[in-house]
Amino acid sequence: MKDKQVILAELQVFETERLVFRKIELSDKEDMFEYASDPEVVRYVAFPEHKSLEMTEESIVNYFIPNRLICWGVVDKQSGKMVGTIDLRLEGDQAIFGWVLNRKFWGRGLMPEAAAYLRDLAFNQLEVQVITAEHDAENPKSGRVMEKIGMRKIGQVYTYIAKEKRSVLCDYWALTKAEYQALRK
């Protein structure tokens, strides 16, 4: 099998029916600021609300560019706008999902479409044995995305959120490779 890091490095741009995924650049700052400065969008995520374009630039430079192998900008094909980000962090034989989406694009099934693509990649090319994700227990919409791609809620955990300076109760989801293969049949 090809090295996982090489596979991720080769995955610079890919598409689904309605989305293009690509590496995030500093030129994406306006699109990212639009949703990262929206209090309703950042209400349930680990990063703080962006108060300035400079803060968004720093986020791109300090997080997204150094993590180019595991993070992609999610671009709506119809508008050409970067509407969110999705990442797939690898830890041993598992992968951990994370995503955020511009509120103007909520309710269109874009995140399940994006997550399903990365789920398939993780199990079929990266030899992942389990995918996990968590979300604030007060945000059931994120759980719906996980449910739509075949994940199941396996419990709850407290996760420390630095911006809140406190632990938050989160729903914890997982999908094993065996469960994924059963879904595909």
Protein backbone atom coordinates (compact mmCIF):
# COMPACT_ATOMS: atom_id res chain seq x y z
CA MET A 1 0.00 0.00 0.00
CA LYS A 2 1.12 3.53 -0.78
CA ASP A 3 2.09 5.66 2.23
CA LYS A 4 -0.91 7.52 3.72
CA GLN A 5 0.91 10.85 3.69
CA VAL A 6 1.72 10.44 0.00
CA ILE A 7 -1.93 9.69 -0.78
CA LEU A 8 -2.99 12.83 1.10
CA ALA A 9 -0.29 14.92 -0.61
CA GLU A 10 -1.56 13.77 -4.02
CA LEU A 11 -5.09 14.77 -3.08
CA GLN A 12 -4.67 18.47 -3.85
CA VAL A 13 -8.03 18.96 -5.57
CA PHE A 14 -11.03 16.64 -5.83
CA GLU A 15 -14.72 16.96 -6.60
CA THR A 16 -18.13 15.65 -5.73
CA GLU A 17 -21.34 16.42 -7.60
CA ARG A 18 -21.72 19.93 -6.14
CA LEU A 19 -18.39 20.63 -4.46
CA VAL A 20 -14.72 21.15 -5.17
CA PHE A 21 -12.20 20.49 -2.42
CA ARG A 22 -8.84 22.22 -2.54
CA LYS A 23 -6.05 23.46 -0.35
CA ILE A 24 -6.74 26.68 1.55
CA GLU A 25 -4.79 29.77 0.53
CA LEU A 26 -4.40 33.23 2.01
CA SER A 27 -6.59 34.49 -0.84
CA ASP A 28 -9.53 32.63 0.81
CA LYS A 29 -9.53 35.05 3.73
CA GLU A 30 -12.69 36.97 2.74
CA ASP A 31 -14.76 33.82 2.21
CA MET A 32 -13.49 32.31 5.46
CA PHE A 33 -14.02 35.53 7.40
CA GLU A 34 -17.65 35.61 6.23
CA TYR A 35 -18.50 32.44 8.16
CA ALA A 36 -15.79 32.54 10.85
CA SER A 37 -17.11 35.93 12.00
CA ASP A 38 -20.72 34.70 12.16
CA PRO A 39 -21.63 34.10 15.85
CA GLU A 40 -24.19 31.46 14.87
CA VAL A 41 -21.58 29.46 12.90
CA VAL A 42 -18.86 29.61 15.57
CA ARG A 43 -21.26 28.95 18.43
CA TYR A 44 -20.46 25.23 18.45
CA VAL A 45 -16.88 25.08 17.15
CA ALA A 46 -13.56 25.13 18.97
CA PHE A 47 -12.17 28.29 17.36
CA PRO A 48 -13.14 31.79 18.50
CA GLU A 49 -15.27 34.15 16.45
CA HIS A 50 -13.06 36.05 14.02
CA LYS A 51 -13.24 39.74 14.86
CA SER A 52 -11.06 40.95 11.97
CA LEU A 53 -9.74 39.90 8.59
CA GLU A 54 -6.29 39.89 10.19
CA MET A 55 -7.47 37.19 12.61
CA THR A 56 -8.65 35.09 9.66
CA GLU A 57 -5.31 35.55 7.89
CA GLU A 58 -3.52 34.36 11.04
CA SER A 59 -5.80 31.31 11.20
CA ILE A 60 -5.00 30.41 7.60
CA VAL A 61 -1.25 30.88 8.07
CA ASN A 62 -0.99 29.25 11.49
CA TYR A 63 -3.42 26.33 11.07
CA PHE A 64 -4.56 25.61 7.53
CA ILE A 65 -1.31 26.06 5.63
CA PRO A 66 0.76 23.93 8.07
CA ASN A 67 -1.97 21.24 7.98
CA ARG A 68 -2.38 21.12 4.19
CA LEU A 69 -2.31 17.32 4.09
CA ILE A 70 -5.46 16.99 6.20
CA CYS A 71 -7.48 20.18 5.56
CA TRP A 72 -9.42 21.27 2.51
CA GLY A 73 -11.48 24.29 1.59
CA VAL A 74 -14.99 23.32 0.52
CA VAL A 75 -15.99 25.28 -2.60
CA ASP A 76 -19.56 25.44 -3.92
CA LYS A 77 -19.31 24.69 -7.66
CA GLN A 78 -22.32 26.84 -8.51
CA SER A 79 -21.06 30.05 -6.88
CA GLY A 80 -17.30 29.37 -6.87
CA LYS A 81 -17.26 30.49 -3.23
CA MET A 82 -15.32 28.72 -0.49
CA VAL A 83 -18.16 27.92 1.90
CA GLY A 84 -16.35 25.96 4.60
CA THR A 85 -13.56 23.62 5.52
CA ILE A 86 -13.29 19.93 6.26
CA ASP A 87 -10.43 17.99 7.75
CA LEU A 88 -9.54 14.36 8.26
CA ARG A 89 -6.92 13.95 10.97
CA LEU A 90 -5.16 10.58 11.02
CA GLU A 91 -4.13 8.98 14.31
CA GLY A 92 -2.83 5.43 13.97
CA ASP A 93 -5.55 3.33 12.37
CA GLN A 94 -8.28 5.88 12.90
CA ALA A 95 -9.38 9.16 11.36
CA ILE A 96 -11.11 12.08 13.05
CA PHE A 97 -13.52 14.34 11.18
CA GLY A 98 -13.96 18.09 11.65
CA TRP A 99 -15.85 20.62 9.56
CA VAL A 100 -17.47 24.03 9.47
CA LEU A 101 -19.88 25.49 6.92
CA ASN A 102 -21.07 28.99 6.06
CA ARG A 103 -24.61 29.41 7.46
CA LYS A 104 -25.90 30.58 4.06
CA PHE A 105 -25.24 27.04 2.82
CA TRP A 106 -26.77 25.08 5.73
CA GLY A 107 -29.59 22.65 5.00
CA ARG A 108 -28.50 21.76 1.46
CA GLY A 109 -26.81 18.45 2.22
CA LEU A 110 -23.34 19.78 1.35
CA MET A 111 -21.55 18.51 4.47
CA PRO A 112 -22.91 14.96 4.20
CA GLU A 113 -21.75 15.00 0.56
CA ALA A 114 -18.28 16.20 1.60
CA ALA A 115 -17.97 13.89 4.60
CA ALA A 116 -19.13 10.84 2.61
CA TYR A 117 -16.35 11.43 0.08
CA LEU A 118 -13.69 11.60 2.80
CA ARG A 119 -15.25 8.62 4.61
CA ASP A 120 -14.84 6.56 1.43
CA LEU A 121 -11.27 7.79 0.97
CA ALA A 122 -10.38 6.92 4.56
CA PHE A 123 -11.70 3.37 4.40
CA ASN A 124 -10.82 2.53 0.79
CA GLN A 125 -7.42 4.17 0.32
CA LEU A 126 -5.99 5.11 3.72
CA GLU A 127 -6.71 1.75 5.42
CA VAL A 128 -8.44 3.43 8.34
CA GLN A 129 -10.24 1.04 10.70
CA VAL A 130 -12.49 3.57 12.46
CA ILE A 131 -13.64 7.15 11.88
CA THR A 132 -14.69 9.25 14.85
CA ALA A 133 -16.15 12.71 15.32
CA GLU A 134 -17.69 14.71 18.09
CA HIS A 135 -19.92 17.73 18.31
CA ASP A 136 -21.35 19.93 21.02
CA ALA A 137 -24.37 18.06 22.41
CA GLU A 138 -26.44 21.23 21.94
CA ASN A 139 -25.82 21.11 18.16
CA PRO A 140 -27.85 18.17 16.82
CA LYS A 141 -27.46 19.34 13.19
CA SER A 142 -23.83 18.19 13.23
CA GLY A 143 -25.01 14.83 14.50
CA ARG A 144 -27.42 14.58 11.56
CA VAL A 145 -24.45 14.89 9.17
CA MET A 146 -22.69 12.05 10.99
CA GLU A 147 -25.84 9.93 10.96
CA LYS A 148 -26.35 10.49 7.22
CA ILE A 149 -22.91 9.08 6.42
CA GLY A 150 -23.49 5.95 8.51
CA MET A 151 -21.82 6.93 11.77
CA ARG A 152 -23.51 6.01 15.02
CA LYS A 153 -23.57 7.86 18.30
CA ILE A 154 -21.69 5.77 20.81
CA GLY A 155 -21.88 8.07 23.80
CA GLN A 156 -20.92 11.42 25.20
CA VAL A 157 -17.62 12.89 26.35
CA TYR A 158 -16.56 16.17 27.89
CA THR A 159 -14.16 18.08 25.66
CA TYR A 160 -12.19 21.09 26.85
CA ILE A 161 -12.87 24.09 24.61
CA ALA A 162 -10.09 26.66 25.05
CA LYS A 163 -12.15 29.60 23.74
CA GLU A 164 -14.79 28.83 26.39
CA LYS A 165 -12.20 28.02 29.06
CA ARG A 166 -14.39 25.10 30.09
CA SER A 167 -15.35 21.56 29.18
CA VAL A 168 -18.41 21.07 27.01
CA LEU A 169 -20.54 17.94 26.78
CA CYS A 170 -20.14 16.46 23.30
CA ASP A 171 -21.85 13.64 21.45
CA TYR A 172 -19.26 11.13 20.27
CA TRP A 173 -19.76 9.25 16.99
CA ALA A 174 -17.93 6.43 15.24
CA LEU A 175 -18.01 4.22 12.17
CA THR A 176 -15.85 1.12 11.92
CA LYS A 177 -14.58 -0.32 8.66
CA ALA A 178 -16.73 -3.44 9.20
CA GLU A 179 -19.84 -1.27 9.69
CA TYR A 180 -18.92 0.74 6.60
CA GLN A 181 -18.53 -2.41 4.51
CA ALA A 182 -21.92 -3.67 5.74
CA LEU A 183 -23.49 -0.35 4.70
CA ARG A 184 -22.02 -0.67 1.19
CA LYS A 185 -23.68 -4.07 0.60
